[in-house]
């Protein structure tokens, strides 16, 4: 039996369907072309953005170096070299045994001046293994300095002495006295979390005055929200006013995060920290060799592999990333660094890296 002949209405309907299919296919092709053009435009924009951000990071590094050179010139003019030989040490010990008057002479000979702000009696007592007597400063000048006891949260005597052993041996000075007299002018950092060059770049007035950066931080910098280290972000630290002293004495024990990409709770859960010691300093000192990660949003080993020989051997992976490496490796979501930020204009304006921007978005969402 022959198929029934299609009606004129069916023929028209079929023709309409065929025409619609052709139009839909053409529309899909046009959409694909538009999407491809948009993707190419975004890629070109991203490449231009990366180039600009790379240039900005290089310019910022040069500005930091220039300001620090000017600071050193000013600070060198204020150096107060001194020597503390064996006879002087014996004399100090003899004076200290005479009690108050003798200890006053010891303090006077040290002539710490404004640098006395870097001596915290309570912190020193807590760091000393035994009684320090009624005059903890005299105790530090006579015994504690040689024993590498720390006089202040922002001055790590062991850190300073390990890195400046030759200079200390030549002068015989305590680590603190050496830092105040010569060390700051010679670019010798006082603590793993206090980078003199990083700090001076935020306080350009120091390039003219030559004031000790740590004393400046205690006097006004902390209140101004200045950062003493690339891995300490005062704006991120919610508690304690973003003060490094607070973080070192109380904050880390409360689990405070010092930087968007440093997650103390994650590190403890991962077995990287035991919760018994301040974690960020240890990370700064060891991560260059261990390649341990600071948190779930930054994989140090993967970053170091991607960065290769271009990674700064003097920096831990995270510090290298923040110093410019962010713009030459894939972002935290596996995207080209600029493509992961094209929809975050505030991040672009502020200059933060893609991983930091992601951390801030995640915090805002909680």
Protein backbone atom coordinates (compact mmCIF):
# COMPACT_ATOMS: atom_id res chain seq x y z
CA UNK A 1 0.00 0.00 0.00
CA UNK A 2 1.48 3.33 -1.08
CA UNK A 3 2.25 5.98 1.48
CA UNK A 4 -0.38 8.70 1.63
CA UNK A 5 0.52 11.82 -0.28
CA UNK A 6 1.57 14.62 2.13
CA UNK A 7 -0.86 17.42 2.40
CA UNK A 8 0.09 20.98 1.46
CA UNK A 9 -0.04 21.87 5.15
CA UNK A 10 2.43 19.10 6.04
CA UNK A 11 4.75 20.21 3.24
CA UNK A 12 4.69 23.79 4.50
CA UNK A 13 5.32 22.62 8.07
CA UNK A 14 8.25 20.46 7.00
CA UNK A 15 9.71 23.34 5.04
CA UNK A 16 9.35 25.60 8.09
CA UNK A 17 11.08 23.03 10.31
CA UNK A 18 13.92 22.68 7.81
CA UNK A 19 14.29 26.45 7.58
CA UNK A 20 14.27 26.75 11.39
CA UNK A 21 16.95 24.06 11.63
CA UNK A 22 19.10 25.96 9.14
CA UNK A 23 18.59 29.21 11.07
CA UNK A 24 19.38 27.44 14.39
CA UNK A 25 22.56 25.94 12.94
CA UNK A 26 23.58 29.37 11.64
CA UNK A 27 22.78 30.90 15.02
CA UNK A 28 24.86 28.26 16.80
CA UNK A 29 27.73 28.94 14.46
CA UNK A 30 27.43 32.66 15.14
CA UNK A 31 27.31 32.04 18.90
CA UNK A 32 30.40 29.85 18.68
CA UNK A 33 32.19 32.55 16.70
CA UNK A 34 31.16 35.15 19.27
CA UNK A 35 32.28 32.92 22.14
CA UNK A 36 35.59 32.26 20.40
CA UNK A 37 36.07 35.96 19.76
CA UNK A 38 35.23 36.73 23.41
CA UNK A 39 37.64 34.05 24.63
CA UNK A 40 40.40 35.43 22.41
CA UNK A 41 39.65 38.95 23.57
CA UNK A 42 39.76 37.82 27.22
CA UNK A 43 43.03 35.99 26.58
CA UNK A 44 44.58 39.07 24.96
CA UNK A 45 43.28 41.23 27.80
CA UNK A 46 44.63 38.72 30.29
CA UNK A 47 48.03 38.68 28.63
CA UNK A 48 48.14 42.47 28.67
CA UNK A 49 47.06 42.47 32.31
CA UNK A 50 49.75 39.94 33.27
CA UNK A 51 52.36 42.02 31.47
CA UNK A 52 51.22 45.12 33.35
CA UNK A 53 51.15 43.32 36.70
CA UNK A 54 54.61 41.87 36.07
CA UNK A 55 55.89 45.32 35.27
CA UNK A 56 54.28 46.70 38.41
CA UNK A 57 55.91 44.03 40.61
CA UNK A 58 59.31 44.76 39.06
CA UNK A 59 58.82 48.50 39.55
CA UNK A 60 57.77 47.98 43.17
CA UNK A 61 60.86 45.85 43.83
CA UNK A 62 63.10 48.53 42.34
CA UNK A 63 61.38 51.21 44.41
CA UNK A 64 61.88 49.15 47.59
CA UNK A 65 65.55 48.70 46.80
CA UNK A 66 65.99 52.39 46.03
CA UNK A 67 64.27 53.52 49.22
CA UNK A 68 66.29 51.05 51.26
CA UNK A 69 69.54 52.26 49.74
CA UNK A 70 68.60 55.80 50.72
CA UNK A 71 67.65 54.63 54.20
CA UNK A 72 70.99 52.89 54.64
CA UNK A 73 72.84 56.04 53.62
CA UNK A 74 70.95 58.02 56.25
CA UNK A 75 71.32 55.28 58.88
CA UNK A 76 75.04 54.83 58.31
CA UNK A 77 75.56 58.45 59.29
CA UNK A 78 73.94 57.63 62.65
CA UNK A 79 75.96 54.50 63.43
CA UNK A 80 77.55 54.35 66.88
CA UNK A 81 80.21 51.63 66.74
CA UNK A 82 81.37 50.22 70.03
CA UNK A 83 83.53 47.39 71.35
CA UNK A 84 83.07 45.19 74.38
CA UNK A 85 86.23 43.25 75.07
CA UNK A 86 86.98 40.70 77.77
CA UNK A 87 88.10 43.28 80.32
CA UNK A 88 84.94 45.29 79.83
CA UNK A 89 82.82 42.19 80.33
CA UNK A 90 84.63 41.40 83.57
CA UNK A 91 84.14 44.99 84.72
CA UNK A 92 80.41 44.82 83.95
CA UNK A 93 80.04 41.63 85.94
CA UNK A 94 81.89 43.20 88.86
CA UNK A 95 79.71 46.32 88.74
CA UNK A 96 76.52 44.27 88.54
CA UNK A 97 77.40 42.56 91.83
CA UNK A 98 77.29 45.93 93.61
CA UNK A 99 73.53 46.08 93.16
CA UNK A 100 71.61 49.16 92.08
CA UNK A 101 74.43 51.71 91.67
CA UNK A 102 76.67 49.26 89.81
CA UNK A 103 73.85 48.10 87.56
CA UNK A 104 73.00 51.72 86.78
CA UNK A 105 76.58 52.19 85.55
CA UNK A 106 76.23 49.12 83.35
CA UNK A 107 73.07 50.56 81.80
CA UNK A 108 74.72 53.95 81.31
CA UNK A 109 77.70 52.43 79.51
CA UNK A 110 75.38 50.56 77.15
CA UNK A 111 73.72 53.88 76.19
CA UNK A 112 70.70 52.30 74.54
CA UNK A 113 68.86 55.62 74.37
CA UNK A 114 65.61 55.31 72.43
CA UNK A 115 66.55 51.69 71.82
CA UNK A 116 65.41 50.85 75.32
CA UNK A 117 61.95 50.54 73.73
CA UNK A 118 63.23 47.23 72.34
CA UNK A 119 63.67 45.87 75.84
CA UNK A 120 60.50 44.43 77.37
CA UNK A 121 61.19 43.39 80.99
CA UNK A 122 58.22 41.01 81.16
CA UNK A 123 59.10 39.32 77.88
CA UNK A 124 62.72 39.02 78.99
CA UNK A 125 61.79 37.51 82.34
CA UNK A 126 59.63 34.96 80.54
CA UNK A 127 62.51 34.00 78.24
CA UNK A 128 65.10 33.70 81.03
CA UNK A 129 65.54 30.23 82.57
CA UNK A 130 65.95 31.59 86.11
CA UNK A 131 65.52 34.74 88.18
CA UNK A 132 66.85 37.93 86.60
CA UNK A 133 66.69 40.00 89.76
CA UNK A 134 65.31 43.48 90.24
CA UNK A 135 67.01 44.97 87.16
CA UNK A 136 66.29 42.78 84.10
CA UNK A 137 67.97 45.21 81.68
CA UNK A 138 71.25 45.05 83.58
CA UNK A 139 70.91 41.28 83.69
CA UNK A 140 70.51 41.20 79.91
CA UNK A 141 73.48 43.49 79.30
CA UNK A 142 75.78 41.45 81.53
CA UNK A 143 74.58 37.86 81.06
CA UNK A 144 71.43 37.49 79.00
CA UNK A 145 72.74 38.90 75.75
CA UNK A 146 75.63 36.46 75.66
CA UNK A 147 73.17 33.65 76.42
CA UNK A 148 71.00 34.71 73.44
CA UNK A 149 67.97 35.48 75.59
CA UNK A 150 65.48 37.60 73.65
CA UNK A 151 64.79 41.08 75.05
CA UNK A 152 61.62 41.82 73.08
CA UNK A 153 59.04 39.98 70.92
CA UNK A 154 60.38 41.77 67.80
CA UNK A 155 64.00 40.88 68.47
CA UNK A 156 64.95 37.22 68.17
CA UNK A 157 68.44 37.00 69.66
CA UNK A 158 69.16 33.50 68.37
CA UNK A 159 68.04 34.41 64.85
CA UNK A 160 70.18 37.56 64.90
CA UNK A 161 73.23 35.90 66.45
CA UNK A 162 73.18 32.96 64.04
CA UNK A 163 73.22 35.28 61.05
CA UNK A 164 75.71 37.77 62.42
CA UNK A 165 78.11 35.60 64.39
CA UNK A 166 81.25 37.15 62.92
CA UNK A 167 80.13 40.74 63.59
CA UNK A 168 79.18 39.90 67.17
CA UNK A 169 82.48 38.12 67.74
CA UNK A 170 84.43 41.15 66.47
CA UNK A 171 82.58 43.66 68.65
CA UNK A 172 81.71 41.59 71.71
CA UNK A 173 78.39 43.43 71.92
CA UNK A 174 75.10 41.84 72.85
CA UNK A 175 72.85 41.11 69.85
CA UNK A 176 70.47 43.94 70.78
CA UNK A 177 73.22 46.51 71.33
CA UNK A 178 74.84 45.54 68.04
CA UNK A 179 71.55 45.82 66.16
CA UNK A 180 70.82 49.27 67.59
CA UNK A 181 74.32 50.61 66.99
CA UNK A 182 75.23 49.05 63.65
CA UNK A 183 73.02 46.19 62.57
CA UNK A 184 70.00 48.06 61.25
CA UNK A 185 72.21 50.34 59.17
CA UNK A 186 73.90 47.24 57.78
CA UNK A 187 70.58 45.65 56.69
CA UNK A 188 70.61 43.00 59.41
CA UNK A 189 67.03 41.90 60.14
CA UNK A 190 66.14 41.49 63.83
CA UNK A 191 63.49 38.79 63.52
CA UNK A 192 62.31 36.24 60.92
CA UNK A 193 59.09 38.26 60.57
CA UNK A 194 60.62 41.73 60.40
CA UNK A 195 62.16 42.58 57.03
CA UNK A 196 63.84 45.97 57.22
CA UNK A 197 63.70 46.49 53.45
CA UNK A 198 60.01 45.54 53.24
CA UNK A 199 59.12 47.84 56.11
CA UNK A 200 61.11 50.86 54.91
CA UNK A 201 59.30 50.72 51.56
CA UNK A 202 56.08 51.60 53.41
CA UNK A 203 57.62 54.37 55.49
CA UNK A 204 59.60 56.49 52.99
CA UNK A 205 60.31 59.10 55.68
CA UNK A 206 62.89 56.66 57.07
CA UNK A 207 64.98 57.19 53.94
CA UNK A 208 65.50 60.75 55.17
CA UNK A 209 65.70 60.26 58.94
CA UNK A 210 67.60 56.97 59.19
CA UNK A 211 65.51 56.04 62.24
CA UNK A 212 65.68 52.41 63.29
CA UNK A 213 62.73 50.72 61.50
CA UNK A 214 61.75 48.54 64.45
CA UNK A 215 61.64 51.53 66.79
CA UNK A 216 59.59 53.37 64.15
CA UNK A 217 57.18 50.43 63.99
CA UNK A 218 56.73 50.46 67.76
CA UNK A 219 56.35 54.24 67.83
CA UNK A 220 53.87 54.67 64.99
CA UNK A 221 54.07 52.06 62.25
CA UNK A 222 51.92 49.42 63.92
CA UNK A 223 49.18 51.96 64.58
CA UNK A 224 49.35 53.00 60.91
CA UNK A 225 48.83 49.43 59.80
CA UNK A 226 52.27 49.05 58.19
CA UNK A 227 53.40 45.52 57.43
CA UNK A 228 56.76 44.32 58.81
CA UNK A 229 56.99 41.32 56.48
CA UNK A 230 55.47 40.17 53.16
CA UNK A 231 53.79 37.25 54.96
CA UNK A 232 52.24 39.38 57.69
CA UNK A 233 49.16 41.21 56.45
CA UNK A 234 47.82 43.60 59.13
CA UNK A 235 44.53 44.05 57.27
CA UNK A 236 43.95 40.29 57.26
CA UNK A 237 44.64 39.82 60.99
CA UNK A 238 41.22 40.55 62.43
CA UNK A 239 42.21 40.51 66.09
CA UNK A 240 44.86 42.56 67.86
CA UNK A 241 44.71 45.46 65.45
CA UNK A 242 47.04 43.74 63.00
CA UNK A 243 49.98 44.29 65.37
CA UNK A 244 52.92 41.92 64.97
CA UNK A 245 53.75 42.16 68.69
CA UNK A 246 50.23 40.97 69.52
CA UNK A 247 50.51 38.13 67.02
CA UNK A 248 53.88 36.96 68.39
CA UNK A 249 52.81 37.12 72.03
CA UNK A 250 49.15 36.14 71.92
CA UNK A 251 47.66 35.85 68.46
CA UNK A 252 49.33 32.69 67.21
CA UNK A 253 48.27 30.86 70.38
CA UNK A 254 44.68 31.84 69.57
CA UNK A 255 45.02 30.46 66.06
CA UNK A 256 45.12 33.85 64.33
CA UNK A 257 45.97 33.71 60.64
CA UNK A 258 48.70 36.23 59.71
CA UNK A 259 48.16 36.12 55.95
CA UNK A 260 45.39 35.06 53.53
CA UNK A 261 47.46 32.09 52.35
CA UNK A 262 48.75 30.95 55.75
CA UNK A 263 46.25 28.72 57.53
CA UNK A 264 47.45 27.64 61.01
CA UNK A 265 44.52 25.27 61.60
CA UNK A 266 45.09 23.49 58.26
CA UNK A 267 48.80 23.15 58.98
CA UNK A 268 48.18 21.63 62.41
CA UNK A 269 45.66 19.19 60.93
CA UNK A 270 48.24 18.31 58.26
CA UNK A 271 50.92 17.61 60.87
CA UNK A 272 53.12 20.51 59.74
CA UNK A 273 52.94 22.34 63.09
CA UNK A 274 52.48 21.03 66.60
CA UNK A 275 50.85 24.13 68.09
CA UNK A 276 53.71 24.50 70.60
CA UNK A 277 55.68 27.18 68.73
CA UNK A 278 54.81 30.24 66.65
CA UNK A 279 54.26 28.75 63.18
CA UNK A 280 54.89 31.54 60.68
CA UNK A 281 58.49 32.17 61.77
CA UNK A 282 59.26 28.48 61.44
CA UNK A 283 57.70 28.43 57.97
CA UNK A 284 59.79 31.42 56.85
CA UNK A 285 62.97 29.75 58.11
CA UNK A 286 62.37 26.23 56.79
CA UNK A 287 59.93 26.21 53.86
CA UNK A 288 62.64 27.12 51.35
CA UNK A 289 64.18 23.69 51.97
CA UNK A 290 61.15 21.61 53.00
CA UNK A 291 58.74 23.06 50.41
CA UNK A 292 55.94 22.66 52.94
CA UNK A 293 52.69 24.43 52.07
CA UNK A 294 51.33 27.39 54.06
CA UNK A 295 47.70 26.42 53.54
CA UNK A 296 45.23 24.61 51.27
CA UNK A 297 45.23 27.35 48.62
CA UNK A 298 48.96 27.24 47.90
CA UNK A 299 50.88 24.08 47.05
CA UNK A 300 54.55 24.88 47.58
CA UNK A 301 55.89 21.79 45.83
CA UNK A 302 53.72 22.28 42.74
CA UNK A 303 54.64 25.95 42.62
CA UNK A 304 58.37 25.26 42.97
CA UNK A 305 58.18 22.68 40.18
CA UNK A 306 56.34 25.09 37.88
CA UNK A 307 58.67 27.97 38.73
CA UNK A 308 61.82 25.92 38.20
CA UNK A 309 65.17 27.66 38.29
CA UNK A 310 63.49 31.06 38.10
CA UNK A 311 62.46 30.79 41.77
CA UNK A 312 64.52 33.00 44.08
CA UNK A 313 66.76 30.61 46.09
CA UNK A 314 66.75 33.07 49.01
CA UNK A 315 62.96 32.93 49.39
CA UNK A 316 60.44 30.35 50.46
CA UNK A 317 57.96 29.46 47.68
CA UNK A 318 55.14 31.63 49.01
CA UNK A 319 57.36 34.70 49.34
CA UNK A 320 58.62 34.13 45.79
CA UNK A 321 55.03 33.85 44.56
CA UNK A 322 54.05 37.12 46.25
CA UNK A 323 57.16 38.88 44.91
CA UNK A 324 56.15 38.36 41.27
CA UNK A 325 56.04 34.64 40.60
CA UNK A 326 52.26 34.81 40.73
CA UNK A 327 52.21 36.30 37.23
CA UNK A 328 54.21 33.59 35.49
CA UNK A 329 52.61 30.39 36.82
CA UNK A 330 49.07 29.03 36.79
CA UNK A 331 46.71 30.48 39.36
CA UNK A 332 45.23 28.59 42.32
CA UNK A 333 42.29 27.36 40.24
CA UNK A 334 44.54 26.09 37.45
CA UNK A 335 43.85 29.16 35.34
CA UNK A 336 46.16 31.59 33.68
CA UNK A 337 46.90 34.11 36.48
CA UNK A 338 45.21 37.00 34.75
CA UNK A 339 42.14 35.04 33.60
CA UNK A 340 41.47 34.10 37.22
CA UNK A 341 41.27 37.82 38.09
CA UNK A 342 39.52 39.43 35.11
CA UNK A 343 36.22 39.36 36.99
CA UNK A 344 37.76 40.81 40.17
CA UNK A 345 38.63 44.45 39.38
CA UNK A 346 39.21 45.28 43.06
CA UNK A 347 41.94 42.63 43.22
CA UNK A 348 43.52 44.08 40.10
CA UNK A 349 43.49 47.59 41.56
CA UNK A 350 44.97 46.45 44.88
CA UNK A 351 47.69 44.39 43.24
CA UNK A 352 47.06 41.23 45.25
CA UNK A 353 47.81 37.86 43.69
CA UNK A 354 45.16 35.41 42.36
CA UNK A 355 45.57 33.06 45.35
CA UNK A 356 45.14 35.93 47.80
CA UNK A 357 42.07 37.13 45.91
CA UNK A 358 40.57 33.64 46.12
CA UNK A 359 41.26 33.49 49.88
CA UNK A 360 39.53 36.83 50.40
CA UNK A 361 36.50 35.72 48.37
CA UNK A 362 36.24 32.55 50.43
CA UNK A 363 36.45 34.47 53.70
CA UNK A 364 33.79 36.94 52.54
CA UNK A 365 31.50 34.03 51.68
CA UNK A 366 31.69 32.55 55.20
